[in-house]
Amino acid sequence: MTDFAPRYPVTPGIDFTTVSFGQTPSQTVGPYLHIGLPWPDGPDVVPSGTEGSIDITVTVYDGHRTPIADAMIETWQADAAGRFDHPDDPRGRAEPTPARFRGFGRAVADSTGTSTVHTVKPGPLPAEDGSIEAPHIDVGIFARGMLERLVTRIYFPDETERNFSDPVLSGMDPRQREKLIARATPTGYHLDVVVQDSDPNGDETPFFDL
């Protein structure tokens, strides 16, 4: 008798968390991400030539401080006014500033482990406790050998006062806080991300548990 894989009933309106076999395990992005994950305008959060646009570059290093040439990053952020063109924004949906800003980017690393996203600097936005979050960009990092994405943030060096009162940064040790603040470049800002360090006080970038 031939054995077949078990079959499970599909109930409309019920999500994957209710099935008996649970959620499919995560998979590493692998060395072949270039086959299907990137798309031509993925790095362009705003159209080319948009006034005020900047380049955000992120270099990803492994535990040996070797650049990860097959890494990929995803970014998501508020627009230049600190708003979201989304119904879940508690302040209400807003038309994006600048026009055609889409809030999301995806870029793959080059041979130096560096990914580049073309965007605009986000505005500050309200936090849940009534405080104000400093302008920042959320970054998801994918790479070979990583079954779960790593999530961190990019803050800006020219927002000293807002960074000081930001509810996330203000709760961090100064050494860790510095790792999330990008440095200025001629065309925008750059952040180095170190994905691993056996020394708890070493160079590993702070990551967020979502």
Foldseek 3Di string as FASTA:
>chain_A
DDDDDDDWDDDPPDDQCPTPVHDDFFDACDQVVVVPPDDDCQQELDDPPDPQKFKEKEFEAEQVRQTAQFKKKKKFFAAQARFAQDCPPPVGHDQGVPHSRRRMHMFTHHPRRMTMHIGHFHCWYADPVRHIAHTKMKMWMGHPPDRGTWIDIAHEPVRVVRLCRHPVLVPDDPLQSVQRYWDADPGGTYHYAYCDYPDPSDNHHDTDDD
